[in-house]
Amino acid sequence: MADTWDPALPGVLGLPSGRLVRGRGLGRPPPAGPPPHFGLYLLGKPPPAVTWEARWLRWPDFGLPSDRSDALDGLQEAWRRAESERVEIACRGGRGRTGTALACLAVLDGMPAADAVAYARQRYDRHAVETLWQRRYVRNFQGR
């Protein structure tokens, strides 16, 4: 992996393939370590400006992506880029939407959808994927 995260940094989730993705809450100060190369931001309104390449997915708090096709495309882009770049996924609090997206990345990485929420909760944040709707979204996530 060319220039990815240090797995010891806070919020860095190791996917089954070895890809590393950092999850975080934008409502907190940025964590230690280098900046991402690419950020995927899951918010109801446009995110604050950053100095790296970024993509915004309209995704209301406690809800689901407003455009499922755009969300699939954004998640696939984040997963592809995580093979050789530092990728960050973030929402306001860093748990519900971020945890949902990280669980979906685990599915893209080959994990059965039925196991992905538990994986994100065990390896990223025990409160990841906050709502019933978010759990159903992951369980039904095809990644294709």
C-alpha atoms as a PDB file:
ATOM      1  CA  MET A   1       0.000   0.000   0.000  1.00  0.00           C
ATOM      2  CA  ALA A   2       1.658   3.119  -1.291  1.00  0.00           C
ATOM      3  CA  ASP A   3       0.726   5.989   1.034  1.00  0.00           C
ATOM      4  CA  THR A   4      -2.050   4.871   3.349  1.00  0.00           C
ATOM      5  CA  TRP A   5      -2.768   5.381   7.050  1.00  0.00           C
ATOM      6  CA  ASP A   6      -0.772   4.092   9.977  1.00  0.00           C
ATOM      7  CA  PRO A   7      -3.139   1.465  11.468  1.00  0.00           C
ATOM      8  CA  ALA A   8      -2.216   2.644  14.979  1.00  0.00           C
ATOM      9  CA  LEU A   9      -3.771   6.094  14.414  1.00  0.00           C
ATOM     10  CA  PRO A  10      -7.138   6.794  16.092  1.00  0.00           C
ATOM     11  CA  GLY A  11     -10.192   6.015  13.965  1.00  0.00           C
ATOM     12  CA  VAL A  12      -8.347   3.961  11.358  1.00  0.00           C
ATOM     13  CA  LEU A  13     -10.306   0.868  10.352  1.00  0.00           C
ATOM     14  CA  GLY A  14      -8.508  -2.030   8.724  1.00  0.00           C
ATOM     15  CA  LEU A  15     -10.696  -3.743   6.152  1.00  0.00           C
ATOM     16  CA  PRO A  16     -10.344  -7.511   5.587  1.00  0.00           C
ATOM     17  CA  SER A  17      -8.143  -6.950   2.504  1.00  0.00           C
ATOM     18  CA  GLY A  18      -5.750  -4.751   4.442  1.00  0.00           C
ATOM     19  CA  ARG A  19      -7.033  -1.453   3.054  1.00  0.00           C
ATOM     20  CA  LEU A  20      -7.109   1.241   5.729  1.00  0.00           C
ATOM     21  CA  VAL A  21      -9.759   3.966   6.029  1.00  0.00           C
ATOM     22  CA  ARG A  22     -10.025   6.646   8.696  1.00  0.00           C
ATOM     23  CA  GLY A  23     -13.439   7.452  10.129  1.00  0.00           C
ATOM     24  CA  ARG A  24     -14.048  10.561  12.184  1.00  0.00           C
ATOM     25  CA  GLY A  25     -16.498  13.139  13.382  1.00  0.00           C
ATOM     26  CA  LEU A  26     -16.194  16.612  11.903  1.00  0.00           C
ATOM     27  CA  GLY A  27     -17.551  18.037  15.150  1.00  0.00           C
ATOM     28  CA  ARG A  28     -14.258  17.200  16.874  1.00  0.00           C
ATOM     29  CA  PRO A  29     -10.733  18.492  16.229  1.00  0.00           C
ATOM     30  CA  PRO A  30      -8.871  16.608  13.477  1.00  0.00           C
ATOM     31  CA  PRO A  31      -6.981  13.593  14.803  1.00  0.00           C
ATOM     32  CA  ALA A  32      -3.195  13.311  14.854  1.00  0.00           C
ATOM     33  CA  GLY A  33      -1.433  12.200  11.733  1.00  0.00           C
ATOM     34  CA  PRO A  34      -1.142  13.334   8.145  1.00  0.00           C
ATOM     35  CA  PRO A  35      -4.107  14.735   6.220  1.00  0.00           C
ATOM     36  CA  PRO A  36      -6.083  12.490   3.897  1.00  0.00           C
ATOM     37  CA  HIS A  37      -5.617  12.460   0.151  1.00  0.00           C
ATOM     38  CA  PHE A  38      -9.384  12.047  -0.282  1.00  0.00           C
ATOM     39  CA  GLY A  39     -12.345  12.659   1.993  1.00  0.00           C
ATOM     40  CA  LEU A  40     -15.902  11.401   1.645  1.00  0.00           C
ATOM     41  CA  TYR A  41     -18.220  13.596   3.711  1.00  0.00           C
ATOM     42  CA  LEU A  42     -21.689  12.416   4.687  1.00  0.00           C
ATOM     43  CA  LEU A  43     -23.711  15.468   5.695  1.00  0.00           C
ATOM     44  CA  GLY A  44     -27.103  17.054   5.159  1.00  0.00           C
ATOM     45  CA  LYS A  45     -25.414  20.216   3.851  1.00  0.00           C
ATOM     46  CA  PRO A  46     -22.099  20.855   2.077  1.00  0.00           C
ATOM     47  CA  PRO A  47     -19.024  20.227   4.242  1.00  0.00           C
ATOM     48  CA  PRO A  48     -16.472  22.836   5.213  1.00  0.00           C
ATOM     49  CA  ALA A  49     -13.712  23.433   2.672  1.00  0.00           C
ATOM     50  CA  VAL A  50     -10.620  21.236   2.934  1.00  0.00           C
ATOM     51  CA  THR A  51      -7.225  21.351   1.226  1.00  0.00           C
ATOM     52  CA  TRP A  52      -7.457  17.787  -0.134  1.00  0.00           C
ATOM     53  CA  GLU A  53      -9.730  16.240  -2.724  1.00  0.00           C
ATOM     54  CA  ALA A  54     -13.191  15.691  -1.289  1.00  0.00           C
ATOM     55  CA  ARG A  55     -16.628  14.483  -2.220  1.00  0.00           C
ATOM     56  CA  TRP A  56     -19.906  15.288  -0.496  1.00  0.00           C
ATOM     57  CA  LEU A  57     -22.787  12.847  -0.208  1.00  0.00           C
ATOM     58  CA  ARG A  58     -26.054  14.404   0.939  1.00  0.00           C
ATOM     59  CA  TRP A  59     -26.879  12.207   3.909  1.00  0.00           C
ATOM     60  CA  PRO A  60     -29.084  13.616   6.709  1.00  0.00           C
ATOM     61  CA  ASP A  61     -28.228  12.902  10.336  1.00  0.00           C
ATOM     62  CA  PHE A  62     -29.689   9.588  11.570  1.00  0.00           C
ATOM     63  CA  GLY A  63     -30.890   8.882   8.042  1.00  0.00           C
ATOM     64  CA  LEU A  64     -29.800   7.348   4.770  1.00  0.00           C
ATOM     65  CA  PRO A  65     -28.175   8.802   1.663  1.00  0.00           C
ATOM     66  CA  SER A  66     -30.503  11.061  -0.325  1.00  0.00           C
ATOM     67  CA  ASP A  67     -29.293   9.526  -3.596  1.00  0.00           C
ATOM     68  CA  ARG A  68     -28.518   5.804  -3.318  1.00  0.00           C
ATOM     69  CA  SER A  69     -26.776   5.687  -6.711  1.00  0.00           C
ATOM     70  CA  ASP A  70     -24.498   8.595  -5.804  1.00  0.00           C
ATOM     71  CA  ALA A  71     -23.773   6.957  -2.443  1.00  0.00           C
ATOM     72  CA  LEU A  72     -22.818   3.677  -4.098  1.00  0.00           C
ATOM     73  CA  ASP A  73     -20.528   5.528  -6.500  1.00  0.00           C
ATOM     74  CA  GLY A  74     -18.929   7.517  -3.656  1.00  0.00           C
ATOM     75  CA  LEU A  75     -18.404   4.449  -1.490  1.00  0.00           C
ATOM     76  CA  GLN A  76     -16.897   2.536  -4.405  1.00  0.00           C
ATOM     77  CA  GLU A  77     -14.546   5.454  -5.099  1.00  0.00           C
ATOM     78  CA  ALA A  78     -13.457   5.584  -1.455  1.00  0.00           C
ATOM     79  CA  TRP A  79     -12.862   1.810  -1.393  1.00  0.00           C
ATOM     80  CA  ARG A  80     -10.817   1.885  -4.629  1.00  0.00           C
ATOM     81  CA  ARG A  81      -8.716   4.829  -3.509  1.00  0.00           C
ATOM     82  CA  ALA A  82      -8.036   3.299  -0.082  1.00  0.00           C
ATOM     83  CA  GLU A  83      -5.846   0.708  -1.780  1.00  0.00           C
ATOM     84  CA  SER A  84      -3.086   3.282  -2.297  1.00  0.00           C
ATOM     85  CA  GLU A  85      -4.228   6.571  -0.693  1.00  0.00           C
ATOM     86  CA  ARG A  86      -5.218   7.944   2.705  1.00  0.00           C
ATOM     87  CA  VAL A  87      -9.025   8.016   2.628  1.00  0.00           C
ATOM     88  CA  GLU A  88     -11.174   9.615   5.303  1.00  0.00           C
ATOM     89  CA  ILE A  89     -14.911   9.146   5.779  1.00  0.00           C
ATOM     90  CA  ALA A  90     -16.671  11.532   8.117  1.00  0.00           C
ATOM     91  CA  CYS A  91     -20.015  12.880   9.276  1.00  0.00           C
ATOM     92  CA  ARG A  92     -20.772  15.314  12.087  1.00  0.00           C
ATOM     93  CA  GLY A  93     -20.486  12.875  14.991  1.00  0.00           C
ATOM     94  CA  GLY A  94     -18.445  10.125  13.344  1.00  0.00           C
ATOM     95  CA  ARG A  95     -20.690   7.238  14.379  1.00  0.00           C
ATOM     96  CA  GLY A  96     -23.979   6.659  12.555  1.00  0.00           C
ATOM     97  CA  ARG A  97     -23.377   7.732   8.981  1.00  0.00           C
ATOM     98  CA  THR A  98     -19.629   7.166   9.167  1.00  0.00           C
ATOM     99  CA  GLY A  99     -20.102   3.734  10.735  1.00  0.00           C
ATOM    100  CA  THR A 100     -22.690   2.853   8.102  1.00  0.00           C
ATOM    101  CA  ALA A 101     -20.322   3.864   5.304  1.00  0.00           C
ATOM    102  CA  LEU A 102     -17.421   1.925   6.870  1.00  0.00           C
ATOM    103  CA  ALA A 103     -19.617  -1.171   7.172  1.00  0.00           C
ATOM    104  CA  CYS A 104     -20.527  -0.777   3.487  1.00  0.00           C
ATOM    105  CA  LEU A 105     -16.817  -0.566   2.619  1.00  0.00           C
ATOM    106  CA  ALA A 106     -16.343  -3.870   4.438  1.00  0.00           C
ATOM    107  CA  VAL A 107     -19.036  -5.344   2.172  1.00  0.00           C
ATOM    108  CA  LEU A 108     -17.263  -3.936  -0.891  1.00  0.00           C
ATOM    109  CA  ASP A 109     -14.129  -5.569   0.489  1.00  0.00           C
ATOM    110  CA  GLY A 110     -15.794  -8.997   0.402  1.00  0.00           C
ATOM    111  CA  MET A 111     -17.369  -9.287   3.851  1.00  0.00           C
ATOM    112  CA  PRO A 112     -20.905 -10.721   4.016  1.00  0.00           C
ATOM    113  CA  ALA A 113     -23.361  -7.861   4.561  1.00  0.00           C
ATOM    114  CA  ALA A 114     -24.847  -9.733   7.546  1.00  0.00           C
ATOM    115  CA  ASP A 115     -21.493  -9.416   9.382  1.00  0.00           C
ATOM    116  CA  ALA A 116     -20.509  -5.874   8.419  1.00  0.00           C
ATOM    117  CA  VAL A 117     -22.258  -3.907  11.188  1.00  0.00           C
ATOM    118  CA  ALA A 118     -20.694  -6.062  13.901  1.00  0.00           C
ATOM    119  CA  TYR A 119     -17.312  -5.668  12.198  1.00  0.00           C
ATOM    120  CA  ALA A 120     -17.579  -1.854  12.184  1.00  0.00           C
ATOM    121  CA  ARG A 121     -18.731  -1.813  15.810  1.00  0.00           C
ATOM    122  CA  GLN A 122     -15.942  -4.112  16.964  1.00  0.00           C
ATOM    123  CA  ARG A 123     -13.101  -2.473  15.033  1.00  0.00           C
ATOM    124  CA  TYR A 124     -14.147   1.164  14.666  1.00  0.00           C
ATOM    125  CA  ASP A 125     -16.716   2.312  17.267  1.00  0.00           C
ATOM    126  CA  ARG A 126     -19.113   0.281  19.384  1.00  0.00           C
ATOM    127  CA  HIS A 127     -21.858   2.816  18.584  1.00  0.00           C
ATOM    128  CA  ALA A 128     -21.312   2.711  14.813  1.00  0.00           C
ATOM    129  CA  VAL A 129     -24.435   2.378  12.644  1.00  0.00           C
ATOM    130  CA  GLU A 130     -26.936   4.047  14.958  1.00  0.00           C
ATOM    131  CA  THR A 131     -30.399   3.433  13.537  1.00  0.00           C
ATOM    132  CA  LEU A 132     -32.511   0.517  12.400  1.00  0.00           C
ATOM    133  CA  TRP A 133     -32.619   2.096   8.914  1.00  0.00           C
ATOM    134  CA  GLN A 134     -28.841   2.284   8.772  1.00  0.00           C
ATOM    135  CA  ARG A 135     -28.523  -1.370   9.846  1.00  0.00           C
ATOM    136  CA  ARG A 136     -31.012  -2.374   7.129  1.00  0.00           C
ATOM    137  CA  TYR A 137     -29.112  -0.291   4.567  1.00  0.00           C
ATOM    138  CA  VAL A 138     -25.906  -2.209   5.336  1.00  0.00           C
ATOM    139  CA  ARG A 139     -27.682  -5.571   5.397  1.00  0.00           C
ATOM    140  CA  ASN A 140     -29.155  -4.873   1.941  1.00  0.00           C
ATOM    141  CA  PHE A 141     -26.040  -3.218   0.540  1.00  0.00           C
ATOM    142  CA  GLN A 142     -24.949  -4.974  -2.647  1.00  0.00           C
ATOM    143  CA  GLY A 143     -21.942  -2.906  -3.561  1.00  0.00           C
ATOM    144  CA  ARG A 144     -22.550  -3.531  -7.239  1.00  0.00           C
END
